[in-house]
Amino acid sequence: MNTASDTKLALITGASRGFGAALAETLAVKGWHVIALGRTMGALEELDDRIKAKGGTVTLAAMDITQDDAMRHLCRDIHDRWGHLDLWAHTAIHAPPMSPADHIALKDWDKCAAINIRATGFLIPMIAPLLAAAPSRATALFIDDPAAQGKFMGAYGASKAAQIALARAWQQESTRTGPRVLIEALPPMPTGTRARFYPGEAKAKLAPCRGEAARLLELITSPDNLQQQQT
């Protein structure tokens, strides 16, 4: 599929479910071409159906962000096919079971480090040149999670804090050169990650994923924010 030269291009890592999927749908409906990356092909195909039913376009990438070669090939394919990205929204996250700090399983530490920290550190230098090649100032979006701090959240909280620390460093370093790096803390939403921590929680009290996606899209595209960095 070839997209028009004036079509905005967005890569969403972690697009199969939850907020990532909601953001993908919101962008596509507004005319963006979305490259949706996730590990579960079935969920991505459902996303594809929803987007196409609304007249949007999407390219599916069923990949694991911890696989370096796969990510290299993806970034090269984006470069060869489109030449740039206007937006990278990094919503992929691993949330292990809640556990006391002195009982965290090593496998949970390893998976948190691989997905939440190492993959982020690997992707930033791979995706930065694609954002730099955008016709206008591009955006990288990271999602902070205030709920990650607290008891029984040690592995998730520590790895999420490391991810955001890396994003904040890039944010400060790119103020003049770009891309614009946004770090947004979202209210509790009815996502799979949230459900793992708070099973049985009343979803009606939570912020809808699509509502937050619409709010962030307005922030991303607002002319008043194009030359600003979040602090």
Protein backbone atom coordinates (compact mmCIF):
# COMPACT_ATOMS: atom_id res chain seq x y z
CA MET A 1 0.00 0.00 0.00
CA ASN A 2 1.38 3.37 -0.99
CA THR A 3 0.26 6.40 0.95
CA ALA A 4 -0.04 9.95 -0.31
CA SER A 5 2.98 12.14 0.22
CA ASP A 6 1.05 14.40 2.57
CA THR A 7 -0.25 11.55 4.72
CA LYS A 8 1.09 11.54 8.27
CA LEU A 9 2.82 8.33 9.27
CA ALA A 10 2.69 6.91 12.79
CA LEU A 11 4.45 3.89 14.28
CA ILE A 12 2.78 2.55 17.39
CA THR A 13 4.74 -0.04 19.32
CA GLY A 14 2.29 -1.97 21.47
CA ALA A 15 -0.74 -1.39 19.24
CA SER A 16 -2.59 -4.67 19.55
CA ARG A 17 -4.67 -3.85 22.63
CA GLY A 18 -5.52 -1.22 25.21
CA PHE A 19 -4.40 2.35 24.82
CA GLY A 20 -2.07 1.56 21.91
CA ALA A 21 -4.96 0.12 19.90
CA ALA A 22 -7.20 3.08 20.78
CA LEU A 23 -4.52 5.52 19.65
CA ALA A 24 -4.05 3.59 16.41
CA GLU A 25 -7.78 3.79 15.66
CA THR A 26 -7.94 7.47 16.55
CA LEU A 27 -5.01 8.36 14.31
CA ALA A 28 -6.28 6.28 11.40
CA VAL A 29 -9.74 7.84 11.52
CA LYS A 30 -8.10 11.27 11.35
CA GLY A 31 -6.28 10.35 8.15
CA TRP A 32 -2.94 9.10 9.46
CA HIS A 33 -1.43 5.91 8.08
CA VAL A 34 -0.64 3.73 11.09
CA ILE A 35 2.08 1.10 11.34
CA ALA A 36 0.72 -1.05 14.15
CA LEU A 37 3.25 -3.25 15.92
CA GLY A 38 2.27 -5.94 18.39
CA ARG A 39 3.03 -9.55 19.23
CA THR A 40 -0.48 -10.96 18.78
CA MET A 41 -1.54 -11.27 15.15
CA GLY A 42 -5.15 -12.02 16.02
CA ALA A 43 -5.51 -8.79 17.98
CA LEU A 44 -3.79 -6.84 15.20
CA GLU A 45 -6.19 -8.29 12.63
CA GLU A 46 -9.12 -7.19 14.77
CA LEU A 47 -7.58 -3.71 14.90
CA ASP A 48 -7.19 -3.81 11.12
CA ASP A 49 -10.88 -4.66 10.72
CA ARG A 50 -11.96 -1.79 12.97
CA ILE A 51 -9.74 0.73 11.21
CA LYS A 52 -10.74 -0.32 7.70
CA ALA A 53 -14.42 -0.27 8.67
CA LYS A 54 -13.95 3.42 9.44
CA GLY A 55 -12.11 4.16 6.21
CA GLY A 56 -8.60 4.26 7.68
CA THR A 57 -5.40 2.58 6.58
CA VAL A 58 -2.99 0.48 8.61
CA THR A 59 0.06 -1.70 8.10
CA LEU A 60 0.33 -4.59 10.55
CA ALA A 61 3.66 -5.65 12.04
CA ALA A 62 3.36 -8.80 14.16
CA MET A 63 6.71 -8.59 15.93
CA ASP A 64 8.39 -8.80 19.31
CA ILE A 65 10.16 -5.56 20.22
CA THR A 66 12.83 -7.52 22.08
CA GLN A 67 14.01 -9.11 18.82
CA ASP A 68 16.75 -6.80 17.58
CA ASP A 69 16.92 -8.12 14.01
CA ALA A 70 13.15 -7.81 13.58
CA MET A 71 13.26 -4.20 14.74
CA ARG A 72 16.17 -3.43 12.41
CA HIS A 73 14.25 -4.88 9.47
CA LEU A 74 11.11 -2.95 10.42
CA CYS A 75 12.93 0.37 10.57
CA ARG A 76 14.69 -0.34 7.27
CA ASP A 77 11.36 -1.27 5.68
CA ILE A 78 9.80 1.99 6.92
CA HIS A 79 12.74 3.92 5.49
CA ASP A 80 12.58 2.17 2.13
CA ARG A 81 8.80 2.44 1.82
CA TRP A 82 8.03 5.87 3.27
CA GLY A 83 11.35 7.52 4.12
CA HIS A 84 10.29 8.92 7.48
CA LEU A 85 7.94 8.85 10.47
CA ASP A 86 5.90 11.76 11.81
CA LEU A 87 5.08 10.04 15.10
CA TRP A 88 6.40 7.20 17.20
CA ALA A 89 4.11 6.29 20.10
CA HIS A 90 5.76 3.78 22.42
CA THR A 91 2.97 2.11 24.35
CA ALA A 92 4.44 -1.40 24.67
CA ILE A 93 4.93 -2.46 28.28
CA HIS A 94 5.31 -5.57 30.39
CA ALA A 95 3.54 -5.69 33.74
CA PRO A 96 4.40 -8.76 35.83
CA PRO A 97 2.25 -10.00 38.70
CA MET A 98 2.30 -7.86 41.81
CA SER A 99 4.86 -9.12 44.30
CA PRO A 100 6.72 -8.00 47.42
CA ALA A 101 10.16 -6.68 46.59
CA ASP A 102 11.82 -9.61 48.33
CA HIS A 103 9.79 -12.17 46.37
CA ILE A 104 10.11 -10.93 42.77
CA ALA A 105 10.83 -13.86 40.45
CA LEU A 106 13.99 -13.54 38.37
CA LYS A 107 12.06 -14.30 35.19
CA ASP A 108 9.84 -11.28 35.90
CA TRP A 109 12.87 -9.04 36.42
CA ASP A 110 14.38 -10.28 33.18
CA LYS A 111 11.21 -9.76 31.14
CA CYS A 112 10.63 -6.27 32.58
CA ALA A 113 14.21 -5.29 31.81
CA ALA A 114 14.03 -6.70 28.28
CA ILE A 115 10.73 -5.08 27.27
CA ASN A 116 10.49 -1.94 29.37
CA ILE A 117 14.14 -0.87 29.42
CA ARG A 118 16.39 -2.56 26.88
CA ALA A 119 13.93 -2.53 23.98
CA THR A 120 13.27 1.17 24.55
CA GLY A 121 16.98 1.92 24.60
CA PHE A 122 17.46 -0.09 21.41
CA LEU A 123 14.53 1.50 19.56
CA ILE A 124 15.35 5.15 20.23
CA PRO A 125 18.52 5.24 18.07
CA MET A 126 16.82 3.08 15.42
CA ILE A 127 13.74 5.29 15.11
CA ALA A 128 15.35 8.71 15.68
CA PRO A 129 16.64 8.99 12.06
CA LEU A 130 13.15 8.24 10.72
CA LEU A 131 11.70 11.02 12.87
CA ALA A 132 14.50 13.38 11.84
CA ALA A 133 13.61 12.79 8.18
CA ALA A 134 10.00 13.95 8.62
CA PRO A 135 8.96 16.97 6.53
CA SER A 136 8.06 18.85 9.72
CA ARG A 137 9.03 18.43 13.36
CA ALA A 138 8.17 14.87 14.38
CA THR A 139 7.05 13.58 17.76
CA ALA A 140 8.01 10.69 20.01
CA LEU A 141 5.41 9.87 22.65
CA PHE A 142 6.04 7.95 25.88
CA ILE A 143 3.42 7.03 28.44
CA ASP A 144 4.19 7.46 32.13
CA ASP A 145 2.20 5.51 34.70
CA PRO A 146 1.80 7.03 38.19
CA ALA A 147 0.28 3.72 39.35
CA ALA A 148 3.65 2.04 38.80
CA GLN A 149 4.94 3.40 42.11
CA GLY A 150 3.93 1.75 45.35
CA LYS A 151 3.91 -1.49 47.24
CA PHE A 152 4.04 -4.74 45.30
CA MET A 153 4.95 -2.80 42.14
CA GLY A 154 8.72 -3.18 42.45
CA ALA A 155 9.60 -4.85 39.14
CA TYR A 156 7.08 -2.91 37.06
CA GLY A 157 7.72 0.39 38.84
CA ALA A 158 11.52 0.15 38.67
CA SER A 159 11.58 -0.77 34.99
CA LYS A 160 8.96 1.84 34.07
CA ALA A 161 10.91 4.52 35.95
CA ALA A 162 14.05 3.55 34.03
CA GLN A 163 12.17 3.78 30.74
CA ILE A 164 10.85 7.24 31.55
CA ALA A 165 14.28 8.38 32.76
CA LEU A 166 15.67 7.45 29.35
CA ALA A 167 12.83 9.28 27.61
CA ARG A 168 13.41 12.39 29.73
CA ALA A 169 17.10 12.40 28.84
CA TRP A 170 16.22 12.24 25.14
CA GLN A 171 13.61 14.94 25.66
CA GLN A 172 16.17 17.35 27.08
CA GLU A 173 18.80 16.47 24.50
CA SER A 174 16.46 17.02 21.53
CA THR A 175 14.96 20.37 22.51
CA ARG A 176 16.73 22.21 19.67
CA THR A 177 17.41 19.41 17.22
CA GLY A 178 14.19 17.39 17.46
CA PRO A 179 12.23 15.26 17.62
CA ARG A 180 9.74 16.67 20.06
CA VAL A 181 9.58 14.16 22.89
CA LEU A 182 6.33 14.08 24.85
CA ILE A 183 5.97 12.21 28.13
CA GLU A 184 2.38 11.98 29.23
CA ALA A 185 0.95 10.51 32.44
CA LEU A 186 -2.51 9.11 31.74
CA PRO A 187 -5.34 8.53 34.21
CA PRO A 188 -6.35 4.94 35.06
CA MET A 189 -7.88 3.27 32.00
CA PRO A 190 -9.57 -0.14 31.50
CA THR A 191 -6.51 -1.83 29.98
CA GLY A 192 -5.19 -5.35 30.36
CA THR A 193 -2.27 -4.00 32.38
CA ARG A 194 -4.61 -2.27 34.82
CA ALA A 195 -6.78 -5.39 35.10
CA ARG A 196 -3.79 -7.47 36.15
CA PHE A 197 -3.20 -5.18 39.10
CA TYR A 198 -6.81 -4.45 40.03
CA PRO A 199 -9.03 -7.39 39.02
CA GLY A 200 -12.71 -6.76 39.51
CA GLU A 201 -12.32 -2.97 39.42
CA ALA A 202 -15.39 -1.15 38.11
CA LYS A 203 -14.48 -0.11 34.58
CA ALA A 204 -17.15 2.59 34.52
CA LYS A 205 -15.00 4.65 36.90
CA LEU A 206 -11.98 4.56 34.60
CA ALA A 207 -11.08 6.94 31.77
CA PRO A 208 -11.96 5.52 28.32
CA CYS A 209 -8.90 4.69 26.23
CA ARG A 210 -10.35 6.37 23.17
CA GLY A 211 -11.03 9.55 25.08
CA GLU A 212 -7.40 9.74 26.18
CA ALA A 213 -6.24 8.91 22.67
CA ALA A 214 -8.29 11.79 21.28
CA ARG A 215 -6.85 14.14 23.90
CA LEU A 216 -3.28 13.17 23.07
CA LEU A 217 -3.88 13.47 19.34
CA GLU A 218 -5.03 17.04 19.93
CA LEU A 219 -1.85 17.68 21.92
CA ILE A 220 0.34 16.13 19.22
CA THR A 221 -1.21 18.08 16.36
CA SER A 222 -1.89 21.42 18.05
CA PRO A 223 0.12 24.23 16.40
CA ASP A 224 0.63 25.78 19.82
CA ASN A 225 2.59 22.72 20.91
CA LEU A 226 4.67 21.97 17.85
CA GLN A 227 7.75 23.78 19.09
CA GLN A 228 7.34 22.98 22.77
CA GLN A 229 8.80 20.25 24.95
CA GLN A 230 7.04 18.73 27.93
CA THR A 231 8.91 19.34 31.18
